[in-house]
Amino acid sequence: MQARQLRNRFTTNLINNTTNFINNNFDFNLEPKSQLQIKQMPLMQLQIFAEQSFSKKYSVVITMLNDKQLQGKFISQVNKNKFVFKVNSALFGIIALNQIKSINLV
Protein backbone atom coordinates (compact mmCIF):
# COMPACT_ATOMS: atom_id res chain seq x y z
CA MET A 1 0.00 0.00 0.00
CA GLN A 2 2.80 2.40 0.92
CA ALA A 3 4.68 1.61 -2.32
CA ARG A 4 1.56 2.46 -4.33
CA GLN A 5 1.23 5.85 -2.56
CA LEU A 6 4.93 6.62 -3.22
CA ARG A 7 4.48 5.70 -6.89
CA ASN A 8 1.35 7.90 -7.19
CA ARG A 9 3.14 10.81 -5.49
CA PHE A 10 6.16 10.33 -7.73
CA THR A 11 3.94 10.25 -10.83
CA THR A 12 2.04 13.36 -9.71
CA ASN A 13 5.28 15.24 -9.00
CA LEU A 14 6.74 14.18 -12.35
CA ILE A 15 3.65 15.35 -14.24
CA ASN A 16 3.53 18.68 -12.35
CA ASN A 17 7.24 19.35 -12.82
CA THR A 18 7.09 18.49 -16.53
CA THR A 19 4.04 20.71 -17.04
CA ASN A 20 5.67 23.60 -15.19
CA PHE A 21 8.85 23.18 -17.25
CA ILE A 22 6.89 23.26 -20.52
CA ASN A 23 4.81 26.27 -19.43
CA ASN A 24 7.88 28.23 -18.34
CA ASN A 25 10.11 27.45 -21.33
CA PHE A 26 7.89 27.02 -24.38
CA ASP A 27 5.20 29.25 -25.85
CA PHE A 28 2.70 27.24 -27.85
CA ASN A 29 0.20 30.15 -27.99
CA LEU A 30 -2.72 27.91 -27.08
CA GLU A 31 -4.86 30.76 -25.77
CA PRO A 32 -7.99 31.47 -27.79
CA LYS A 33 -7.77 34.59 -29.95
CA SER A 34 -11.04 35.89 -28.56
CA GLN A 35 -9.18 37.01 -25.42
CA LEU A 36 -7.00 39.34 -27.47
CA GLN A 37 -7.48 42.83 -26.09
CA ILE A 38 -7.65 45.46 -28.82
CA LYS A 39 -8.41 48.99 -27.78
CA GLN A 40 -11.16 50.21 -30.06
CA MET A 41 -13.35 53.30 -30.05
CA PRO A 42 -16.92 52.48 -29.00
CA LEU A 43 -19.13 51.59 -31.99
CA MET A 44 -21.52 54.49 -31.35
CA GLN A 45 -18.61 56.94 -31.42
CA LEU A 46 -17.30 55.39 -34.64
CA GLN A 47 -20.77 55.75 -36.19
CA ILE A 48 -20.97 59.43 -35.23
CA PHE A 49 -17.45 60.17 -36.49
CA ALA A 50 -18.02 58.30 -39.76
CA GLU A 51 -21.39 59.96 -40.42
CA GLN A 52 -20.02 63.44 -39.68
CA SER A 53 -16.94 62.82 -41.83
CA PHE A 54 -19.16 61.57 -44.65
CA SER A 55 -21.66 64.43 -44.49
CA LYS A 56 -19.00 67.18 -44.21
CA LYS A 57 -16.59 65.45 -46.65
CA TYR A 58 -13.68 65.55 -44.19
CA SER A 59 -10.35 63.89 -44.94
CA VAL A 60 -9.68 61.36 -42.23
CA VAL A 61 -7.15 58.74 -41.21
CA ILE A 62 -8.73 55.46 -40.17
CA THR A 63 -6.78 52.91 -38.18
CA MET A 64 -7.90 49.34 -38.71
CA LEU A 65 -7.80 46.64 -36.01
CA ASN A 66 -4.57 45.29 -37.52
CA ASP A 67 -3.00 48.79 -37.09
CA LYS A 68 -3.03 49.48 -40.83
CA GLN A 69 -3.80 53.14 -41.50
CA LEU A 70 -5.63 54.56 -44.50
CA GLN A 71 -6.06 58.23 -45.37
CA GLY A 72 -9.00 59.33 -47.46
CA LYS A 73 -12.69 60.24 -47.40
CA PHE A 74 -15.97 58.44 -46.80
CA ILE A 75 -17.84 58.92 -50.09
CA SER A 76 -20.93 56.76 -49.64
CA GLN A 77 -22.87 55.07 -46.88
CA VAL A 78 -23.86 51.48 -47.64
CA ASN A 79 -25.78 50.96 -44.38
CA LYS A 80 -25.57 52.05 -40.75
CA ASN A 81 -22.25 50.26 -40.17
CA LYS A 82 -20.61 50.21 -43.63
CA PHE A 83 -19.13 53.01 -45.70
CA VAL A 84 -17.33 53.29 -49.02
CA PHE A 85 -13.91 54.79 -48.34
CA LYS A 86 -11.90 56.51 -51.10
CA VAL A 87 -8.14 56.39 -50.60
CA ASN A 88 -7.27 57.81 -54.04
CA SER A 89 -8.81 57.90 -57.50
CA ALA A 90 -7.94 54.24 -58.10
CA LEU A 91 -8.47 52.70 -54.66
CA PHE A 92 -11.83 52.35 -52.92
CA GLY A 93 -12.89 50.05 -50.14
CA ILE A 94 -16.00 49.08 -48.23
CA ILE A 95 -15.16 49.64 -44.59
CA ALA A 96 -17.17 48.03 -41.78
CA LEU A 97 -17.11 50.08 -38.60
CA ASN A 98 -16.46 47.01 -36.43
CA GLN A 99 -13.12 46.60 -38.26
CA ILE A 100 -11.97 50.14 -37.41
CA LYS A 101 -9.97 50.95 -34.32
CA SER A 102 -10.19 54.75 -34.64
CA ILE A 103 -11.07 57.64 -36.94
CA ASN A 104 -9.04 60.86 -36.83
CA LEU A 105 -9.30 64.09 -38.79
CA VAL A 106 -6.34 64.98 -40.99
PDB file of N, CA and C in Angstrom:
ATOM      1  N   MET A   1       0.825  -1.190   0.000  1.00  0.00           N
ATOM      2  CA  MET A   1       0.000   0.000   0.000  1.00  0.00           C
ATOM      3  C   MET A   1       0.867   1.250   0.000  1.00  0.00           C
ATOM      4  N   GLN A   2       1.933   1.232   0.828  1.00  0.00           N
ATOM      5  CA  GLN A   2       2.800   2.396   0.923  1.00  0.00           C
ATOM      6  C   GLN A   2       3.590   2.591  -0.375  1.00  0.00           C
ATOM      7  N   ALA A   3       3.971   1.519  -1.041  1.00  0.00           N
ATOM      8  CA  ALA A   3       4.684   1.610  -2.320  1.00  0.00           C
ATOM      9  C   ALA A   3       3.797   2.229  -3.384  1.00  0.00           C
ATOM     10  N   ARG A   4       2.505   1.903  -3.366  1.00  0.00           N
ATOM     11  CA  ARG A   4       1.563   2.458  -4.330  1.00  0.00           C
ATOM     12  C   ARG A   4       1.426   3.965  -4.121  1.00  0.00           C
ATOM     13  N   GLN A   5       1.348   4.424  -2.850  1.00  0.00           N
ATOM     14  CA  GLN A   5       1.234   5.850  -2.560  1.00  0.00           C
ATOM     15  C   GLN A   5       2.491   6.589  -3.010  1.00  0.00           C
ATOM     16  N   LEU A   6       3.675   5.996  -2.781  1.00  0.00           N
ATOM     17  CA  LEU A   6       4.927   6.620  -3.224  1.00  0.00           C
ATOM     18  C   LEU A   6       4.960   6.734  -4.746  1.00  0.00           C
ATOM     19  N   ARG A   7       4.496   5.690  -5.435  1.00  0.00           N
ATOM     20  CA  ARG A   7       4.477   5.700  -6.890  1.00  0.00           C
ATOM     21  C   ARG A   7       3.508   6.766  -7.402  1.00  0.00           C
ATOM     22  N   ASN A   8       2.324   6.885  -6.788  1.00  0.00           N
ATOM     23  CA  ASN A   8       1.355   7.898  -7.189  1.00  0.00           C
ATOM     24  C   ASN A   8       1.894   9.309  -6.940  1.00  0.00           C
ATOM     25  N   ARG A   9       2.557   9.514  -5.806  1.00  0.00           N
ATOM     26  CA  ARG A   9       3.136  10.815  -5.490  1.00  0.00           C
ATOM     27  C   ARG A   9       4.262  11.148  -6.466  1.00  0.00           C
ATOM     28  N   PHE A  10       5.084  10.139  -6.769  1.00  0.00           N
ATOM     29  CA  PHE A  10       6.160  10.328  -7.733  1.00  0.00           C
ATOM     30  C   PHE A  10       5.602  10.707  -9.111  1.00  0.00           C
ATOM     31  N   THR A  11       4.565   9.983  -9.540  1.00  0.00           N
ATOM     32  CA  THR A  11       3.936  10.255 -10.829  1.00  0.00           C
ATOM     33  C   THR A  11       3.327  11.656 -10.858  1.00  0.00           C
ATOM     34  N   THR A  12       2.637  12.035  -9.797  1.00  0.00           N
ATOM     35  CA  THR A  12       2.039  13.360  -9.706  1.00  0.00           C
ATOM     36  C   THR A  12       3.106  14.450  -9.757  1.00  0.00           C
ATOM     37  N   ASN A  13       4.180  14.271  -8.998  1.00  0.00           N
ATOM     38  CA  ASN A  13       5.276  15.244  -9.002  1.00  0.00           C
ATOM     39  C   ASN A  13       5.927  15.334 -10.378  1.00  0.00           C
ATOM     40  N   LEU A  14       6.128  14.196 -11.026  1.00  0.00           N
ATOM     41  CA  LEU A  14       6.735  14.179 -12.347  1.00  0.00           C
ATOM     42  C   LEU A  14       5.865  14.930 -13.357  1.00  0.00           C
ATOM     43  N   ILE A  15       4.571  14.680 -13.322  1.00  0.00           N
ATOM     44  CA  ILE A  15       3.646  15.354 -14.241  1.00  0.00           C
ATOM     45  C   ILE A  15       3.636  16.859 -13.968  1.00  0.00           C
ATOM     46  N   ASN A  16       3.554  17.249 -12.689  1.00  0.00           N
ATOM     47  CA  ASN A  16       3.534  18.675 -12.350  1.00  0.00           C
ATOM     48  C   ASN A  16       4.825  19.370 -12.750  1.00  0.00           C
ATOM     49  N   ASN A  17       5.959  18.747 -12.470  1.00  0.00           N
ATOM     50  CA  ASN A  17       7.242  19.348 -12.825  1.00  0.00           C
ATOM     51  C   ASN A  17       7.417  19.466 -14.339  1.00  0.00           C
ATOM     52  N   THR A  18       6.994  18.448 -15.073  1.00  0.00           N
ATOM     53  CA  THR A  18       7.090  18.494 -16.531  1.00  0.00           C
ATOM     54  C   THR A  18       6.180  19.584 -17.095  1.00  0.00           C
ATOM     55  N   THR A  19       4.977  19.675 -16.584  1.00  0.00           N
ATOM     56  CA  THR A  19       4.037  20.707 -17.037  1.00  0.00           C
ATOM     57  C   THR A  19       4.572  22.098 -16.745  1.00  0.00           C
ATOM     58  N   ASN A  20       5.098  22.301 -15.540  1.00  0.00           N
ATOM     59  CA  ASN A  20       5.670  23.603 -15.195  1.00  0.00           C
ATOM     60  C   ASN A  20       6.853  23.945 -16.088  1.00  0.00           C
ATOM     61  N   PHE A  21       7.707  22.963 -16.376  1.00  0.00           N
ATOM     62  CA  PHE A  21       8.847  23.185 -17.253  1.00  0.00           C
ATOM     63  C   PHE A  21       8.394  23.612 -18.645  1.00  0.00           C
ATOM     64  N   ILE A  22       7.405  22.919 -19.181  1.00  0.00           N
ATOM     65  CA  ILE A  22       6.891  23.256 -20.518  1.00  0.00           C
ATOM     66  C   ILE A  22       6.262  24.647 -20.513  1.00  0.00           C
ATOM     67  N   ASN A  23       5.461  24.956 -19.500  1.00  0.00           N
ATOM     68  CA  ASN A  23       4.812  26.273 -19.426  1.00  0.00           C
ATOM     69  C   ASN A  23       5.818  27.401 -19.301  1.00  0.00           C
ATOM     70  N   ASN A  24       6.898  27.173 -18.571  1.00  0.00           N
ATOM     71  CA  ASN A  24       7.883  28.230 -18.342  1.00  0.00           C
ATOM     72  C   ASN A  24       8.855  28.411 -19.499  1.00  0.00           C
ATOM     73  N   ASN A  25       9.062  27.385 -20.312  1.00  0.00           N
ATOM     74  CA  ASN A  25      10.108  27.453 -21.328  1.00  0.00           C
ATOM     75  C   ASN A  25       9.625  27.452 -22.768  1.00  0.00           C
ATOM     76  N   PHE A  26       8.391  27.094 -23.015  1.00  0.00           N
ATOM     77  CA  PHE A  26       7.892  27.021 -24.378  1.00  0.00           C
ATOM     78  C   PHE A  26       6.587  27.802 -24.479  1.00  0.00           C
ATOM     79  N   ASP A  27       6.426  28.492 -25.609  1.00  0.00           N
ATOM     80  CA  ASP A  27       5.201  29.246 -25.855  1.00  0.00           C
ATOM     81  C   ASP A  27       4.500  28.626 -27.052  1.00  0.00           C
ATOM     82  N   PHE A  28       3.456  27.881 -26.779  1.00  0.00           N
ATOM     83  CA  PHE A  28       2.698  27.243 -27.853  1.00  0.00           C
ATOM     84  C   PHE A  28       1.537  28.098 -28.322  1.00  0.00           C
ATOM     85  N   ASN A  29       1.281  29.227 -27.636  1.00  0.00           N
ATOM     86  CA  ASN A  29       0.203  30.146 -27.992  1.00  0.00           C
ATOM     87  C   ASN A  29      -1.130  29.407 -28.123  1.00  0.00           C
ATOM     88  N   LEU A  30      -1.493  28.688 -27.073  1.00  0.00           N
ATOM     89  CA  LEU A  30      -2.722  27.911 -27.085  1.00  0.00           C
ATOM     90  C   LEU A  30      -3.934  28.690 -26.602  1.00  0.00           C
ATOM     91  N   GLU A  31      -3.742  29.969 -26.252  1.00  0.00           N
ATOM     92  CA  GLU A  31      -4.859  30.764 -25.771  1.00  0.00           C
ATOM     93  C   GLU A  31      -5.775  31.103 -26.943  1.00  0.00           C
ATOM     94  N   PRO A  32      -7.074  31.115 -26.692  1.00  0.00           N
ATOM     95  CA  PRO A  32      -7.987  31.470 -27.786  1.00  0.00           C
ATOM     96  C   PRO A  32      -7.796  32.940 -28.176  1.00  0.00           C
ATOM     97  N   LYS A  33      -7.975  33.233 -29.450  1.00  0.00           N
ATOM     98  CA  LYS A  33      -7.767  34.587 -29.953  1.00  0.00           C
ATOM     99  C   LYS A  33      -8.855  35.540 -29.488  1.00  0.00           C
ATOM    100  N   SER A  34      -9.961  35.028 -29.005  1.00  0.00           N
ATOM    101  CA  SER A  34     -11.042  35.894 -28.563  1.00  0.00           C
ATOM    102  C   SER A  34     -10.661  36.691 -27.319  1.00  0.00           C
ATOM    103  N   GLN A  35      -9.608  36.281 -26.598  1.00  0.00           N
ATOM    104  CA  GLN A  35      -9.184  37.007 -25.418  1.00  0.00           C
ATOM    105  C   GLN A  35      -8.217  38.134 -25.757  1.00  0.00           C
ATOM    106  N   LEU A  36      -7.904  38.294 -27.043  1.00  0.00           N
ATOM    107  CA  LEU A  36      -7.004  39.339 -27.469  1.00  0.00           C
ATOM    108  C   LEU A  36      -7.646  40.690 -27.190  1.00  0.00           C
ATOM    109  N   GLN A  37      -6.941  41.525 -26.462  1.00  0.00           N
ATOM    110  CA  GLN A  37      -7.475  42.826 -26.092  1.00  0.00           C
ATOM    111  C   GLN A  37      -7.027  43.880 -27.088  1.00  0.00           C
ATOM    112  N   ILE A  38      -7.945  44.404 -27.868  1.00  0.00           N
ATOM    113  CA  ILE A  38      -7.652  45.460 -28.824  1.00  0.00           C
ATOM    114  C   ILE A  38      -8.443  46.679 -28.407  1.00  0.00           C
ATOM    115  N   LYS A  39      -7.726  47.772 -28.165  1.00  0.00           N
ATOM    116  CA  LYS A  39      -8.409  48.995 -27.778  1.00  0.00           C
ATOM    117  C   LYS A  39      -9.074  49.577 -29.011  1.00  0.00           C
ATOM    118  N   GLN A  40     -10.378  49.742 -28.929  1.00  0.00           N
ATOM    119  CA  GLN A  40     -11.163  50.213 -30.056  1.00  0.00           C
ATOM    120  C   GLN A  40     -12.121  51.277 -29.560  1.00  0.00           C
ATOM    121  N   MET A  41     -12.345  52.298 -30.399  1.00  0.00           N
ATOM    122  CA  MET A  41     -13.346  53.300 -30.054  1.00  0.00           C
ATOM    123  C   MET A  41     -14.699  52.600 -29.947  1.00  0.00           C
ATOM    124  N   PRO A  42     -15.581  53.077 -29.069  1.00  0.00           N
ATOM    125  CA  PRO A  42     -16.925  52.484 -29.003  1.00  0.00           C
ATOM    126  C   PRO A  42     -17.638  52.618 -30.349  1.00  0.00           C
ATOM    127  N   LEU A  43     -18.466  51.627 -30.688  1.00  0.00           N
ATOM    128  CA  LEU A  43     -19.134  51.588 -31.986  1.00  0.00           C
ATOM    129  C   LEU A  43     -20.006  52.819 -32.222  1.00  0.00           C
ATOM    130  N   MET A  44     -20.687  53.287 -31.187  1.00  0.00           N
ATOM    131  CA  MET A  44     -21.524  54.488 -31.347  1.00  0.00           C
ATOM    132  C   MET A  44     -20.669  55.698 -31.715  1.00  0.00           C
ATOM    133  N   GLN A  45     -19.507  55.830 -31.112  1.00  0.00           N
ATOM    134  CA  GLN A  45     -18.609  56.942 -31.418  1.00  0.00           C
ATOM    135  C   GLN A  45     -18.072  56.822 -32.843  1.00  0.00           C
ATOM    136  N   LEU A  46     -17.744  55.609 -33.257  1.00  0.00           N
ATOM    137  CA  LEU A  46     -17.300  55.390 -34.636  1.00  0.00           C
ATOM    138  C   LEU A  46     -18.394  55.757 -35.630  1.00  0.00           C
ATOM    139  N   GLN A  47     -19.655  55.407 -35.313  1.00  0.00           N
ATOM    140  CA  GLN A  47     -20.773  55.745 -36.188  1.00  0.00           C
ATOM    141  C   GLN A  47     -20.924  57.258 -36.324  1.00  0.00           C
ATOM    142  N   ILE A  48     -20.838  57.965 -35.206  1.00  0.00           N
ATOM    143  CA  ILE A  48     -20.969  59.429 -35.228  1.00  0.00           C
ATOM    144  C   ILE A  48     -19.830  60.044 -36.033  1.00  0.00           C
ATOM    145  N   PHE A  49     -18.600  59.622 -35.770  1.00  0.00           N
ATOM    146  CA  PHE A  49     -17.447  60.170 -36.490  1.00  0.00           C
ATOM    147  C   PHE A  49     -17.546  59.885 -37.982  1.00  0.00           C
ATOM    148  N   ALA A  50     -17.930  58.665 -38.347  1.00  0.00           N
ATOM    149  CA  ALA A  50     -18.020  58.301 -39.758  1.00  0.00           C
ATOM    150  C   ALA A  50     -19.126  59.092 -40.455  1.00  0.00           C
ATOM    151  N   GLU A  51     -20.287  59.219 -39.815  1.00  0.00           N
ATOM    152  CA  GLU A  51     -21.394  59.963 -40.424  1.00  0.00           C
ATOM    153  C   GLU A  51     -21.059  61.443 -40.585  1.00  0.00           C
ATOM    154  N   GLN A  52     -20.411  62.037 -39.575  1.00  0.00           N
ATOM    155  CA  GLN A  52     -20.018  63.441 -39.682  1.00  0.00           C
ATOM    156  C   GLN A  52     -18.949  63.625 -40.761  1.00  0.00           C
ATOM    157  N   SER A  53     -17.994  62.726 -40.812  1.00  0.00           N
ATOM    158  CA  SER A  53     -16.942  62.821 -41.826  1.00  0.00           C
ATOM    159  C   SER A  53     -17.520  62.659 -43.225  1.00  0.00           C
ATOM    160  N   PHE A  54     -18.509  61.779 -43.365  1.00  0.00           N
ATOM    161  CA  PHE A  54     -19.160  61.569 -44.649  1.00  0.00           C
ATOM    162  C   PHE A  54     -19.978  62.793 -45.056  1.00  0.00           C
ATOM    163  N   SER A  55     -20.785  63.319 -44.145  1.00  0.00           N
ATOM    164  CA  SER A  55     -21.660  64.434 -44.495  1.00  0.00           C
ATOM    165  C   SER A  55     -20.887  65.727 -44.748  1.00  0.00           C
ATOM    166  N   LYS A  56     -19.787  65.949 -44.053  1.00  0.00           N
ATOM    167  CA  LYS A  56     -19.004  67.184 -44.211  1.00  0.00           C
ATOM    168  C   LYS A  56     -17.817  67.004 -45.153  1.00  0.00           C
ATOM    169  N   LYS A  57     -17.661  65.764 -45.705  1.00  0.00           N
ATOM    170  CA  LYS A  57     -16.592  65.446 -46.650  1.00  0.00           C
ATOM    171  C   LYS A  57     -15.199  65.746 -46.098  1.00  0.00           C
ATOM    172  N   TYR A  58     -14.979  65.369 -44.832  1.00  0.00           N
ATOM    173  CA  TYR A  58     -13.678  65.552 -44.185  1.00  0.00           C
ATOM    174  C   TYR A  58     -12.691  64.490 -44.659  1.00  0.00           C
ATOM    175  N   SER A  59     -11.426  64.876 -44.752  1.00  0.00           N
ATOM    176  CA  SER A  59     -10.355  63.889 -44.944  1.00  0.00           C
ATOM    177  C   SER A  59     -10.007  63.320 -43.578  1.00  0.00           C
ATOM    178  N   VAL A  60      -9.932  62.014 -43.516  1.00  0.00           N
ATOM    179  CA  VAL A  60      -9.683  61.355 -42.235  1.00  0.00           C
ATOM    180  C   VAL A  60      -8.603  60.288 -42.394  1.00  0.00           C
ATOM    181  N   VAL A  61      -8.039  59.901 -41.280  1.00  0.00           N
ATOM    182  CA  VAL A  61      -7.149  58.739 -41.209  1.00  0.00           C
ATOM    183  C   VAL A  61      -7.876  57.710 -40.365  1.00  0.00           C
ATOM    184  N   ILE A  62      -8.104  56.537 -40.945  1.00  0.00           N
ATOM    185  CA  ILE A  62      -8.727  55.464 -40.172  1.00  0.00           C
ATOM    186  C   ILE A  62      -7.650  54.435 -39.843  1.00  0.00           C
ATOM    187  N   THR A  63      -7.695  53.956 -38.620  1.00  0.00           N
ATOM    188  CA  THR A  63      -6.782  52.910 -38.181  1.00  0.00           C
ATOM    189  C   THR A  63      -7.601  51.636 -38.019  1.00  0.00           C
ATOM    190  N   MET A  64      -7.190  50.610 -38.756  1.00  0.00           N
ATOM    191  CA  MET A  64      -7.896  49.336 -38.712  1.00  0.00           C
ATOM    192  C   MET A  64      -7.449  48.550 -37.481  1.00  0.00           C
ATOM    193  N   LEU A  65      -8.137  47.469 -37.169  1.00  0.00           N
ATOM    194  CA  LEU A  65      -7.798  46.639 -36.010  1.00  0.00           C
ATOM    195  C   LEU A  65      -6.415  46.020 -36.113  1.00  0.00           C
ATOM    196  N   ASN A  66      -5.912  45.842 -37.335  1.00  0.00           N
ATOM    197  CA  ASN A  66      -4.567  45.293 -37.517  1.00  0.00           C
ATOM    198  C   ASN A  66      -3.507  46.396 -37.566  1.00  0.00           C
ATOM    199  N   ASP A  67      -3.871  47.606 -37.146  1.00  0.00           N
ATOM    200  CA  ASP A  67      -3.003  48.793 -37.085  1.00  0.00           C
ATOM    201  C   ASP A  67      -2.610  49.340 -38.454  1.00  0.00           C
ATOM    202  N   LYS A  68      -3.260  48.907 -39.509  1.00  0.00           N
ATOM    203  CA  LYS A  68      -3.033  49.481 -40.834  1.00  0.00           C
ATOM    204  C   LYS A  68      -3.800  50.797 -40.900  1.00  0.00           C
ATOM    205  N   GLN A  69      -3.161  51.841 -41.410  1.00  0.00           N
ATOM    206  CA  GLN A  69      -3.805  53.139 -41.497  1.00  0.00           C
ATOM    207  C   GLN A  69      -4.070  53.503 -42.952  1.00  0.00           C
ATOM    208  N   LEU A  70      -5.236  54.093 -43.182  1.00  0.00           N
ATOM    209  CA  LEU A  70      -5.630  54.557 -44.504  1.00  0.00           C
ATOM    210  C   LEU A  70      -6.068  56.010 -44.388  1.00  0.00           C
ATOM    211  N   GLN A  71      -5.641  56.838 -45.346  1.00  0.00           N
ATOM    212  CA  GLN A  71      -6.063  58.226 -45.367  1.00  0.00           C
ATOM    213  C   GLN A  71      -6.947  58.436 -46.578  1.00  0.00           C
ATOM    214  N   GLY A  72      -8.078  59.087 -46.369  1.00  0.00           N
ATOM    215  CA  GLY A  72      -9.002  59.326 -47.464  1.00  0.00           C
ATOM    216  C   GLY A  72     -10.289  59.942 -46.965  1.00  0.00           C
ATOM    217  N   LYS A  73     -11.378  59.684 -47.723  1.00  0.00           N
ATOM    218  CA  LYS A  73     -12.687  60.243 -47.396  1.00  0.00           C
ATOM    219  C   LYS A  73     -13.759  59.167 -47.508  1.00  0.00           C
ATOM    220  N   PHE A  74     -14.770  59.272 -46.655  1.00  0.00           N
ATOM    221  CA  PHE A  74     -15.966  58.445 -46.799  1.00  0.00           C
ATOM    222  C   PHE A  74     -16.800  59.086 -47.903  1.00  0.00           C
ATOM    223  N   ILE A  75     -17.111  58.327 -48.971  1.00  0.00           N
ATOM    224  CA  ILE A  75     -17.838  58.923 -50.091  1.00  0.00           C
ATOM    225  C   ILE A  75     -19.269  58.403 -50.229  1.00  0.00           C
ATOM    226  N   SER A  76     -19.583  57.319 -49.547  1.00  0.00           N
ATOM    227  CA  SER A  76     -20.929  56.762 -49.641  1.00  0.00           C
ATOM    228  C   SER A  76     -21.202  55.919 -48.401  1.00  0.00           C
ATOM    229  N   GLN A  77     -22.475  55.881 -48.025  1.00  0.00           N
ATOM    230  CA  GLN A  77     -22.874  55.068 -46.878  1.00  0.00           C
ATOM    231  C   GLN A  77     -23.693  53.894 -47.386  1.00  0.00           C
ATOM    232  N   VAL A  78     -23.182  52.687 -47.187  1.00  0.00           N
ATOM    233  CA  VAL A  78     -23.860  51.476 -47.639  1.00  0.00           C
ATOM    234  C   VAL A  78     -25.026  51.159 -46.708  1.00  0.00           C
ATOM    235  N   ASN A  79     -24.751  51.122 -45.412  1.00  0.00           N
ATOM    236  CA  ASN A  79     -25.776  50.964 -44.382  1.00  0.00           C
ATOM    237  C   ASN A  79     -25.266  51.635 -43.111  1.00  0.00           C
ATOM    238  N   LYS A  80     -25.917  51.375 -42.006  1.00  0.00           N
ATOM    239  CA  LYS A  80     -25.569  52.050 -40.749  1.00  0.00           C
ATOM    240  C   LYS A  80     -24.122  51.799 -40.331  1.00  0.00           C
ATOM    241  N   ASN A  81     -23.587  50.635 -40.637  1.00  0.00           N
ATOM    242  CA  ASN A  81     -22.254  50.257 -40.169  1.00  0.00           C
ATOM    243  C   ASN A  81     -21.222  50.052 -41.274  1.00  0.00           C
ATOM    244  N   LYS A  82     -21.554  50.387 -42.524  1.00  0.00           N
ATOM    245  CA  LYS A  82     -20.609  50.214 -43.630  1.00  0.00           C
ATOM    246  C   LYS A  82     -20.578  51.465 -44.488  1.00  0.00           C
ATOM    247  N   PHE A  83     -19.350  51.836 -44.872  1.00  0.00           N
ATOM    248  CA  PHE A  83     -19.131  53.007 -45.700  1.00  0.00           C
ATOM    249  C   PHE A  83     -18.178  52.651 -46.829  1.00  0.00           C
ATOM    250  N   VAL A  84     -18.310  53.385 -47.940  1.00  0.00           N
ATOM    251  CA  VAL A  84     -17.330  53.287 -49.017  1.00  0.00           C
ATOM    252  C   VAL A  84     -16.279  54.342 -48.728  1.00  0.00           C
ATOM    253  N   PHE A  85     -15.026  53.910 -48.695  1.00  0.00           N
ATOM    254  CA  PHE A  85     -13.912  54.790 -48.342  1.00  0.00           C
ATOM    255  C   PHE A  85     -13.018  54.955 -49.554  1.00  0.00           C
ATOM    256  N   LYS A  86     -12.743  56.217 -49.945  1.00  0.00           N
ATOM    257  CA  LYS A  86     -11.899  56.513 -51.104  1.00  0.00           C
ATOM    258  C   LYS A  86     -10.514  56.905 -50.613  1.00  0.00           C
ATOM    259  N   VAL A  87      -9.521  56.096 -50.961  1.00  0.00           N
ATOM    260  CA  VAL A  87      -8.140  56.393 -50.595  1.00  0.00           C
ATOM    261  C   VAL A  87      -7.514  57.302 -51.654  1.00  0.00           C
ATOM    262  N   ASN A  88      -7.688  56.956 -52.922  1.00  0.00           N
ATOM    263  CA  ASN A  88      -7.266  57.812 -54.039  1.00  0.00           C
ATOM    264  C   ASN A  88      -8.191  57.510 -55.210  1.00  0.00           C
ATOM    265  N   SER A  89      -7.899  58.072 -56.364  1.00  0.00           N
ATOM    266  CA  SER A  89      -8.810  57.904 -57.499  1.00  0.00           C
ATOM    267  C   SER A  89      -8.902  56.461 -57.992  1.00  0.00           C
ATOM    268  N   ALA A  90      -7.944  55.625 -57.627  1.00  0.00           N
ATOM    269  CA  ALA A  90      -7.942  54.241 -58.100  1.00  0.00           C
ATOM    270  C   ALA A  90      -8.244  53.223 -57.008  1.00  0.00           C
ATOM    271  N   LEU A  91      -8.305  53.653 -55.752  1.00  0.00           N
ATOM    272  CA  LEU A  91      -8.465  52.701 -54.657  1.00  0.00           C
ATOM    273  C   LEU A  91      -9.648  53.072 -53.767  1.00  0.00           C
ATOM    274  N   PHE A  92     -10.648  52.197 -53.760  1.00  0.00           N
ATOM    275  CA  PHE A  92     -11.831  52.347 -52.920  1.00  0.00           C
ATOM    276  C   PHE A  92     -11.965  51.093 -52.067  1.00  0.00           C
ATOM    277  N   GLY A  93     -12.654  51.226 -50.956  1.00  0.00           N
ATOM    278  CA  GLY A  93     -12.889  50.050 -50.137  1.00  0.00           C
ATOM    279  C   GLY A  93     -14.173  50.200 -49.349  1.00  0.00           C
ATOM    280  N   ILE A  94     -14.834  49.078 -49.108  1.00  0.00           N
ATOM    281  CA  ILE A  94     -16.004  49.078 -48.232  1.00  0.00           C
ATOM    282  C   ILE A  94     -15.488  48.773 -46.838  1.00  0.00           C
ATOM    283  N   ILE A  95     -15.694  49.716 -45.941  1.00  0.00           N
ATOM    284  CA  ILE A  95     -15.162  49.638 -44.587  1.00  0.00           C
ATOM    285  C   ILE A  95     -16.304  49.391 -43.611  1.00  0.00           C
ATOM    286  N   ALA A  96     -16.212  48.306 -42.855  1.00  0.00           N
ATOM    287  CA  ALA A  96     -17.175  48.029 -41.782  1.00  0.00           C
ATOM    288  C   ALA A  96     -16.653  48.682 -40.503  1.00  0.00           C
ATOM    289  N   LEU A  97     -17.524  49.352 -39.787  1.00  0.00           N
ATOM    290  CA  LEU A  97     -17.106  50.083 -38.598  1.00  0.00           C
ATOM    291  C   LEU A  97     -16.548  49.170 -37.513  1.00  0.00           C
ATOM    292  N   ASN A  98     -16.993  47.916 -37.465  1.00  0.00           N
ATOM    293  CA  ASN A  98     -16.463  47.014 -36.433  1.00  0.00           C
ATOM    294  C   ASN A  98     -15.039  46.554 -36.732  1.00  0.00           C
ATOM    295  N   GLN A  99     -14.504  46.904 -37.915  1.00  0.00           N
ATOM    296  CA  GLN A  99     -13.118  46.598 -38.259  1.00  0.00           C
ATOM    297  C   GLN A  99     -12.190  47.797 -38.073  1.00  0.00           C
ATOM    298  N   ILE A 100     -12.752  48.921 -37.603  1.00  0.00           N
ATOM    299  CA  ILE A 100     -11.974  50.144 -37.412  1.00  0.00           C
ATOM    300  C   ILE A 100     -11.646  50.306 -35.942  1.00  0.00           C
ATOM    301  N   LYS A 101     -10.407  50.663 -35.675  1.00  0.00           N
ATOM    302  CA  LYS A 101      -9.970  50.948 -34.317  1.00  0.00           C
ATOM    303  C   LYS A 101     -10.254  52.401 -33.961  1.00  0.00           C
ATOM    304  N   SER A 102      -9.953  53.336 -34.899  1.00  0.00           N
ATOM    305  CA  SER A 102     -10.185  54.753 -34.636  1.00  0.00           C
ATOM    306  C   SER A 102     -10.307  55.528 -35.926  1.00  0.00           C
ATOM    307  N   ILE A 103     -10.937  56.701 -35.825  1.00  0.00           N
ATOM    308  CA  ILE A 103     -11.069  57.636 -36.937  1.00  0.00           C
ATOM    309  C   ILE A 103     -10.545  58.980 -36.439  1.00  0.00           C
ATOM    310  N   ASN A 104      -9.619  59.571 -37.200  1.00  0.00           N
ATOM    311  CA  ASN A 104      -9.045  60.856 -36.826  1.00  0.00           C
ATOM    312  C   ASN A 104      -9.077  61.809 -38.014  1.00  0.00           C
ATOM    313  N   LEU A 105      -9.345  63.083 -37.748  1.00  0.00           N
ATOM    314  CA  LEU A 105      -9.303  64.093 -38.788  1.00  0.00           C
ATOM    315  C   LEU A 105      -7.864  64.333 -39.216  1.00  0.00           C
ATOM    316  N   VAL A 106      -7.689  64.668 -40.487  1.00  0.00           N
ATOM    317  CA  VAL A 106      -6.338  64.983 -40.995  1.00  0.00           C
ATOM    318  C   VAL A 106      -6.049  66.443 -40.719  1.00  0.00           C
TER     319      VAL A 106
END
